[in-house]
PDB file of N, CA and C in Angstrom:
ATOM      1  N   MET A   1      25.371  23.748  25.271  1.00  0.00           N
ATOM      2  CA  MET A   1      25.706  22.641  25.184  1.00  0.00           C
ATOM      3  C   MET A   1      24.809  21.289  25.360  1.00  0.00           C
ATOM      4  N   ALA A   2      23.637  21.776  26.118  1.00  0.00           N
ATOM      5  CA  ALA A   2      22.197  21.075  26.262  1.00  0.00           C
ATOM      6  C   ALA A   2      21.577  21.135  24.964  1.00  0.00           C
ATOM      7  N   LEU A   3      21.448  22.215  24.198  1.00  0.00           N
ATOM      8  CA  LEU A   3      20.809  22.266  22.784  1.00  0.00           C
ATOM      9  C   LEU A   3      21.624  21.461  21.772  1.00  0.00           C
ATOM     10  N   ARG A   4      23.003  21.395  22.119  1.00  0.00           N
ATOM     11  CA  ARG A   4      23.880  20.618  21.138  1.00  0.00           C
ATOM     12  C   ARG A   4      23.631  18.863  21.202  1.00  0.00           C
ATOM     13  N   ALA A   5      23.365  18.665  22.705  1.00  0.00           N
ATOM     14  CA  ALA A   5      23.108  17.212  22.833  1.00  0.00           C
ATOM     15  C   ALA A   5      21.539  16.901  22.326  1.00  0.00           C
ATOM     16  N   ALA A   6      20.780  17.707  22.451  1.00  0.00           N
ATOM     17  CA  ALA A   6      19.536  17.437  22.148  1.00  0.00           C
ATOM     18  C   ALA A   6      19.259  17.482  20.720  1.00  0.00           C
ATOM     19  N   LEU A   7      19.861  18.251  19.969  1.00  0.00           N
ATOM     20  CA  LEU A   7      20.219  17.743  18.443  1.00  0.00           C
ATOM     21  C   LEU A   7      20.769  16.547  18.128  1.00  0.00           C
ATOM     22  N   ILE A   8      21.741  16.238  18.395  1.00  0.00           N
ATOM     23  CA  ILE A   8      22.475  15.017  18.268  1.00  0.00           C
ATOM     24  C   ILE A   8      21.468  13.820  18.824  1.00  0.00           C
ATOM     25  N   LEU A   9      20.946  13.824  19.715  1.00  0.00           N
ATOM     26  CA  LEU A   9      19.880  12.587  20.218  1.00  0.00           C
ATOM     27  C   LEU A   9      18.776  12.649  19.158  1.00  0.00           C
ATOM     28  N   SER A  10      18.120  14.011  18.992  1.00  0.00           N
ATOM     29  CA  SER A  10      16.830  13.728  17.877  1.00  0.00           C
ATOM     30  C   SER A  10      17.260  13.084  16.561  1.00  0.00           C
ATOM     31  N   SER A  11      18.725  13.544  16.177  1.00  0.00           N
ATOM     32  CA  SER A  11      19.198  13.046  14.855  1.00  0.00           C
ATOM     33  C   SER A  11      19.342  11.788  14.752  1.00  0.00           C
ATOM     34  N   LEU A  12      19.779  11.268  16.032  1.00  0.00           N
ATOM     35  CA  LEU A  12      19.928   9.569  16.165  1.00  0.00           C
ATOM     36  C   LEU A  12      18.451   8.838  16.037  1.00  0.00           C
ATOM     37  N   LEU A  13      17.473   9.628  16.677  1.00  0.00           N
ATOM     38  CA  LEU A  13      16.288   8.884  16.781  1.00  0.00           C
ATOM     39  C   LEU A  13      15.694   9.106  15.444  1.00  0.00           C
ATOM     40  N   LEU A  14      15.978   9.981  14.740  1.00  0.00           N
ATOM     41  CA  LEU A  14      15.350  10.123  13.579  1.00  0.00           C
ATOM     42  C   LEU A  14      15.986   9.193  12.517  1.00  0.00           C
ATOM     43  N   ALA A  15      17.200   8.816  12.908  1.00  0.00           N
ATOM     44  CA  ALA A  15      17.766   7.860  11.772  1.00  0.00           C
ATOM     45  C   ALA A  15      17.278   6.522  12.040  1.00  0.00           C
ATOM     46  N   ALA A  16      17.337   6.133  13.629  1.00  0.00           N
ATOM     47  CA  ALA A  16      16.889   4.908  13.893  1.00  0.00           C
ATOM     48  C   ALA A  16      15.314   4.595  13.404  1.00  0.00           C
ATOM     49  N   CYS A  17      14.540   5.484  13.488  1.00  0.00           N
ATOM     50  CA  CYS A  17      13.228   5.387  13.070  1.00  0.00           C
ATOM     51  C   CYS A  17      13.067   4.976  11.577  1.00  0.00           C
ATOM     52  N   GLY A  18      13.951   5.638  10.991  1.00  0.00           N
ATOM     53  CA  GLY A  18      13.871   5.488   9.456  1.00  0.00           C
ATOM     54  C   GLY A  18      14.006   4.042   9.046  1.00  0.00           C
ATOM     55  N   SER A  19      13.133   3.904   7.960  1.00  0.00           N
ATOM     56  CA  SER A  19      13.076   2.595   7.279  1.00  0.00           C
ATOM     57  C   SER A  19      13.660   2.862   5.986  1.00  0.00           C
ATOM     58  N   SER A  20      13.797   1.402   5.575  1.00  0.00           N
ATOM     59  CA  SER A  20      14.390   1.439   4.206  1.00  0.00           C
ATOM     60  C   SER A  20      13.599   2.098   2.891  1.00  0.00           C
ATOM     61  N   GLN A  21      13.981   2.593   2.025  1.00  0.00           N
ATOM     62  CA  GLN A  21      13.268   3.008   0.970  1.00  0.00           C
ATOM     63  C   GLN A  21      13.563   1.895  -0.249  1.00  0.00           C
ATOM     64  N   TYR A  22      12.608   1.582  -1.481  1.00  0.00           N
ATOM     65  CA  TYR A  22      12.693   0.834  -2.127  1.00  0.00           C
ATOM     66  C   TYR A  22      12.193   1.631  -3.539  1.00  0.00           C
ATOM     67  N   LEU A  23      12.770   1.345  -4.657  1.00  0.00           N
ATOM     68  CA  LEU A  23      12.473   1.797  -5.955  1.00  0.00           C
ATOM     69  C   LEU A  23      11.892   0.925  -6.603  1.00  0.00           C
ATOM     70  N   ILE A  24      10.652   1.159  -7.188  1.00  0.00           N
ATOM     71  CA  ILE A  24      10.074   0.208  -8.335  1.00  0.00           C
ATOM     72  C   ILE A  24       9.910   0.576  -9.427  1.00  0.00           C
ATOM     73  N   SER A  25      10.666  -0.019 -10.305  1.00  0.00           N
ATOM     74  CA  SER A  25      10.570   0.518 -11.869  1.00  0.00           C
ATOM     75  C   SER A  25       9.590  -0.408 -12.673  1.00  0.00           C
ATOM     76  N   THR A  26       9.046   0.231 -13.182  1.00  0.00           N
ATOM     77  CA  THR A  26       7.515  -0.383 -13.730  1.00  0.00           C
ATOM     78  C   THR A  26       8.043  -0.403 -15.532  1.00  0.00           C
ATOM     79  N   GLN A  27       6.930  -1.316 -16.269  1.00  0.00           N
ATOM     80  CA  GLN A  27       7.188  -1.314 -17.542  1.00  0.00           C
ATOM     81  C   GLN A  27       7.080  -0.278 -18.494  1.00  0.00           C
ATOM     82  N   ASN A  28       6.250   0.717 -17.787  1.00  0.00           N
ATOM     83  CA  ASN A  28       6.210   2.051 -18.622  1.00  0.00           C
ATOM     84  C   ASN A  28       7.540   2.975 -18.381  1.00  0.00           C
ATOM     85  N   GLY A  29       8.450   2.422 -17.624  1.00  0.00           N
ATOM     86  CA  GLY A  29       9.625   3.453 -17.271  1.00  0.00           C
ATOM     87  C   GLY A  29       9.617   4.487 -16.027  1.00  0.00           C
ATOM     88  N   THR A  30       8.405   4.203 -15.618  1.00  0.00           N
ATOM     89  CA  THR A  30       8.212   4.994 -14.109  1.00  0.00           C
ATOM     90  C   THR A  30       9.157   4.612 -13.117  1.00  0.00           C
ATOM     91  N   MET A  31       9.578   5.347 -12.242  1.00  0.00           N
ATOM     92  CA  MET A  31      10.249   4.806 -11.236  1.00  0.00           C
ATOM     93  C   MET A  31       9.363   5.481  -9.731  1.00  0.00           C
ATOM     94  N   ILE A  32       9.150   4.519  -9.141  1.00  0.00           N
ATOM     95  CA  ILE A  32       8.201   4.682  -7.774  1.00  0.00           C
ATOM     96  C   ILE A  32       9.104   4.478  -6.474  1.00  0.00           C
ATOM     97  N   THR A  33       8.928   5.364  -5.713  1.00  0.00           N
ATOM     98  CA  THR A  33       9.816   5.384  -4.536  1.00  0.00           C
ATOM     99  C   THR A  33       8.520   4.748  -3.415  1.00  0.00           C
ATOM    100  N   ALA A  34       8.935   3.541  -2.609  1.00  0.00           N
ATOM    101  CA  ALA A  34       8.304   2.894  -1.825  1.00  0.00           C
ATOM    102  C   ALA A  34       8.803   3.056  -0.437  1.00  0.00           C
ATOM    103  N   TYR A  35       8.051   3.327   0.575  1.00  0.00           N
ATOM    104  CA  TYR A  35       8.391   3.454   2.119  1.00  0.00           C
ATOM    105  C   TYR A  35       8.276   2.353   2.898  1.00  0.00           C
ATOM    106  N   SER A  36       8.101   1.235   2.223  1.00  0.00           N
ATOM    107  CA  SER A  36       7.896  -0.167   2.795  1.00  0.00           C
ATOM    108  C   SER A  36       8.269  -0.995   1.874  1.00  0.00           C
ATOM    109  N   LYS A  37       8.668  -2.072   2.473  1.00  0.00           N
ATOM    110  CA  LYS A  37       9.153  -3.265   1.556  1.00  0.00           C
ATOM    111  C   LYS A  37       7.734  -3.714   0.433  1.00  0.00           C
ATOM    112  N   PRO A  38       7.833  -3.679  -0.838  1.00  0.00           N
ATOM    113  CA  PRO A  38       6.823  -3.990  -1.377  1.00  0.00           C
ATOM    114  C   PRO A  38       6.440  -5.662  -1.276  1.00  0.00           C
ATOM    115  N   GLU A  39       5.285  -6.094  -0.928  1.00  0.00           N
ATOM    116  CA  GLU A  39       4.884  -7.434  -0.690  1.00  0.00           C
ATOM    117  C   GLU A  39       3.911  -7.651  -1.574  1.00  0.00           C
ATOM    118  N   LEU A  40       3.895  -9.158  -1.996  1.00  0.00           N
ATOM    119  CA  LEU A  40       2.862  -9.634  -3.086  1.00  0.00           C
ATOM    120  C   LEU A  40       1.809 -10.115  -2.432  1.00  0.00           C
ATOM    121  N   ASP A  41       0.401  -9.588  -2.827  1.00  0.00           N
ATOM    122  CA  ASP A  41      -0.520 -10.055  -2.221  1.00  0.00           C
ATOM    123  C   ASP A  41      -1.189 -11.343  -3.177  1.00  0.00           C
ATOM    124  N   LYS A  42      -0.845 -12.451  -2.853  1.00  0.00           N
ATOM    125  CA  LYS A  42      -1.011 -13.693  -3.823  1.00  0.00           C
ATOM    126  C   LYS A  42      -2.306 -13.917  -4.326  1.00  0.00           C
ATOM    127  N   LYS A  43      -3.359 -13.337  -3.339  1.00  0.00           N
ATOM    128  CA  LYS A  43      -4.903 -13.537  -4.083  1.00  0.00           C
ATOM    129  C   LYS A  43      -5.043 -12.747  -5.040  1.00  0.00           C
ATOM    130  N   THR A  44      -4.424 -11.405  -4.877  1.00  0.00           N
ATOM    131  CA  THR A  44      -4.963 -10.097  -6.044  1.00  0.00           C
ATOM    132  C   THR A  44      -4.055 -10.311  -7.079  1.00  0.00           C
ATOM    133  N   GLY A  45      -2.675 -10.729  -6.870  1.00  0.00           N
ATOM    134  CA  GLY A  45      -1.522 -10.507  -7.710  1.00  0.00           C
ATOM    135  C   GLY A  45      -1.055  -9.007  -7.802  1.00  0.00           C
ATOM    136  N   MET A  46      -1.332  -8.385  -6.483  1.00  0.00           N
ATOM    137  CA  MET A  46      -0.955  -6.899  -6.567  1.00  0.00           C
ATOM    138  C   MET A  46       0.640  -6.950  -5.694  1.00  0.00           C
ATOM    139  N   MET A  47       1.173  -5.948  -6.121  1.00  0.00           N
ATOM    140  CA  MET A  47       2.260  -5.535  -5.204  1.00  0.00           C
ATOM    141  C   MET A  47       1.818  -4.378  -4.357  1.00  0.00           C
ATOM    142  N   GLU A  48       1.792  -4.439  -2.769  1.00  0.00           N
ATOM    143  CA  GLU A  48       1.453  -3.416  -1.826  1.00  0.00           C
ATOM    144  C   GLU A  48       2.638  -2.930  -1.202  1.00  0.00           C
ATOM    145  N   TYR A  49       2.486  -1.484  -0.843  1.00  0.00           N
ATOM    146  CA  TYR A  49       3.698  -0.925  -0.356  1.00  0.00           C
ATOM    147  C   TYR A  49       2.993   0.384   0.455  1.00  0.00           C
ATOM    148  N   LYS A  50       3.879   1.041   0.893  1.00  0.00           N
ATOM    149  CA  LYS A  50       3.135   2.454   1.852  1.00  0.00           C
ATOM    150  C   LYS A  50       4.072   3.581   0.885  1.00  0.00           C
ATOM    151  N   ASP A  51       3.471   4.608   0.559  1.00  0.00           N
ATOM    152  CA  ASP A  51       4.059   5.935  -0.021  1.00  0.00           C
ATOM    153  C   ASP A  51       4.588   6.685   0.946  1.00  0.00           C
ATOM    154  N   ALA A  52       4.792   8.061   0.755  1.00  0.00           N
ATOM    155  CA  ALA A  52       5.492   8.995   1.262  1.00  0.00           C
ATOM    156  C   ALA A  52       4.478   9.696   2.191  1.00  0.00           C
ATOM    157  N   ASP A  53       3.129   9.301   2.119  1.00  0.00           N
ATOM    158  CA  ASP A  53       2.149   9.759   3.183  1.00  0.00           C
ATOM    159  C   ASP A  53       1.657   8.517   3.995  1.00  0.00           C
ATOM    160  N   GLY A  54       2.322   7.335   3.813  1.00  0.00           N
ATOM    161  CA  GLY A  54       2.087   6.508   4.762  1.00  0.00           C
ATOM    162  C   GLY A  54       0.786   5.498   4.247  1.00  0.00           C
ATOM    163  N   ARG A  55       0.195   5.870   3.126  1.00  0.00           N
ATOM    164  CA  ARG A  55      -0.926   5.088   2.797  1.00  0.00           C
ATOM    165  C   ARG A  55      -0.451   3.763   1.972  1.00  0.00           C
ATOM    166  N   ARG A  56      -1.339   2.812   2.218  1.00  0.00           N
ATOM    167  CA  ARG A  56      -1.012   1.617   1.381  1.00  0.00           C
ATOM    168  C   ARG A  56      -1.360   1.930  -0.085  1.00  0.00           C
ATOM    169  N   VAL A  57      -0.519   1.627  -0.856  1.00  0.00           N
ATOM    170  CA  VAL A  57      -0.946   1.758  -2.334  1.00  0.00           C
ATOM    171  C   VAL A  57      -0.261   0.312  -2.873  1.00  0.00           C
ATOM    172  N   SER A  58      -0.989   0.004  -4.141  1.00  0.00           N
ATOM    173  CA  SER A  58      -0.677  -1.220  -4.803  1.00  0.00           C
ATOM    174  C   SER A  58      -0.606  -1.180  -6.428  1.00  0.00           C
ATOM    175  N   ILE A  59       0.266  -2.109  -6.878  1.00  0.00           N
ATOM    176  CA  ILE A  59       0.530  -2.146  -8.507  1.00  0.00           C
ATOM    177  C   ILE A  59       0.245  -3.539  -8.869  1.00  0.00           C
ATOM    178  N   ASN A  60      -0.041  -3.669 -10.085  1.00  0.00           N
ATOM    179  CA  ASN A  60      -0.265  -4.807 -10.635  1.00  0.00           C
ATOM    180  C   ASN A  60       1.274  -5.446 -10.758  1.00  0.00           C
ATOM    181  N   LYS A  61       1.384  -6.734 -10.273  1.00  0.00           N
ATOM    182  CA  LYS A  61       2.911  -7.270 -10.418  1.00  0.00           C
ATOM    183  C   LYS A  61       3.587  -7.513 -11.713  1.00  0.00           C
ATOM    184  N   ASP A  62       2.592  -7.576 -12.878  1.00  0.00           N
ATOM    185  CA  ASP A  62       3.001  -7.558 -13.840  1.00  0.00           C
ATOM    186  C   ASP A  62       3.724  -6.622 -14.598  1.00  0.00           C
ATOM    187  N   GLN A  63       3.461  -5.301 -13.934  1.00  0.00           N
ATOM    188  CA  GLN A  63       3.845  -3.962 -14.214  1.00  0.00           C
ATOM    189  C   GLN A  63       5.220  -3.730 -13.762  1.00  0.00           C
ATOM    190  N   VAL A  64       5.347  -4.539 -12.860  1.00  0.00           N
ATOM    191  CA  VAL A  64       6.832  -4.248 -11.780  1.00  0.00           C
ATOM    192  C   VAL A  64       7.932  -5.213 -12.881  1.00  0.00           C
ATOM    193  N   VAL A  65       9.127  -4.281 -12.935  1.00  0.00           N
ATOM    194  CA  VAL A  65      10.175  -4.523 -13.715  1.00  0.00           C
ATOM    195  C   VAL A  65      11.384  -5.224 -12.829  1.00  0.00           C
ATOM    196  N   GLN A  66      11.371  -4.510 -11.747  1.00  0.00           N
ATOM    197  CA  GLN A  66      12.489  -4.522 -10.897  1.00  0.00           C
ATOM    198  C   GLN A  66      12.252  -3.476  -9.483  1.00  0.00           C
ATOM    199  N   ILE A  67      12.720  -4.465  -8.299  1.00  0.00           N
ATOM    200  CA  ILE A  67      12.479  -3.576  -7.007  1.00  0.00           C
ATOM    201  C   ILE A  67      13.943  -3.496  -6.513  1.00  0.00           C
ATOM    202  N   VAL A  68      14.340  -2.346  -6.013  1.00  0.00           N
ATOM    203  CA  VAL A  68      15.817  -2.093  -5.389  1.00  0.00           C
ATOM    204  C   VAL A  68      15.716  -1.294  -4.180  1.00  0.00           C
ATOM    205  N   GLU A  69      16.429  -2.130  -3.066  1.00  0.00           N
ATOM    206  CA  GLU A  69      16.560  -1.247  -1.796  1.00  0.00           C
ATOM    207  C   GLU A  69      17.477  -0.057  -1.787  1.00  0.00           C
ATOM    208  N   ARG A  70      17.044   0.959  -1.443  1.00  0.00           N
ATOM    209  CA  ARG A  70      18.022   2.136  -1.243  1.00  0.00           C
ATOM    210  C   ARG A  70      18.525   2.381  -0.054  1.00  0.00           C
TER     211      ARG A  70
END
């Protein structure tokens, strides 16, 4: 019983901690999964987001066709 409760609790915590994923489609047809909401850096013209490893990644906004939340 305690093991079952622990599994349920940990599942709920993981679900609550998860943030939305975003799909970024590019001019060349590549689909990129972003693990944070892509944001435009107006100074550089780059869209910045976090990848699966939590690193900040950027792509030129002119290469982005569409961003969709999953």
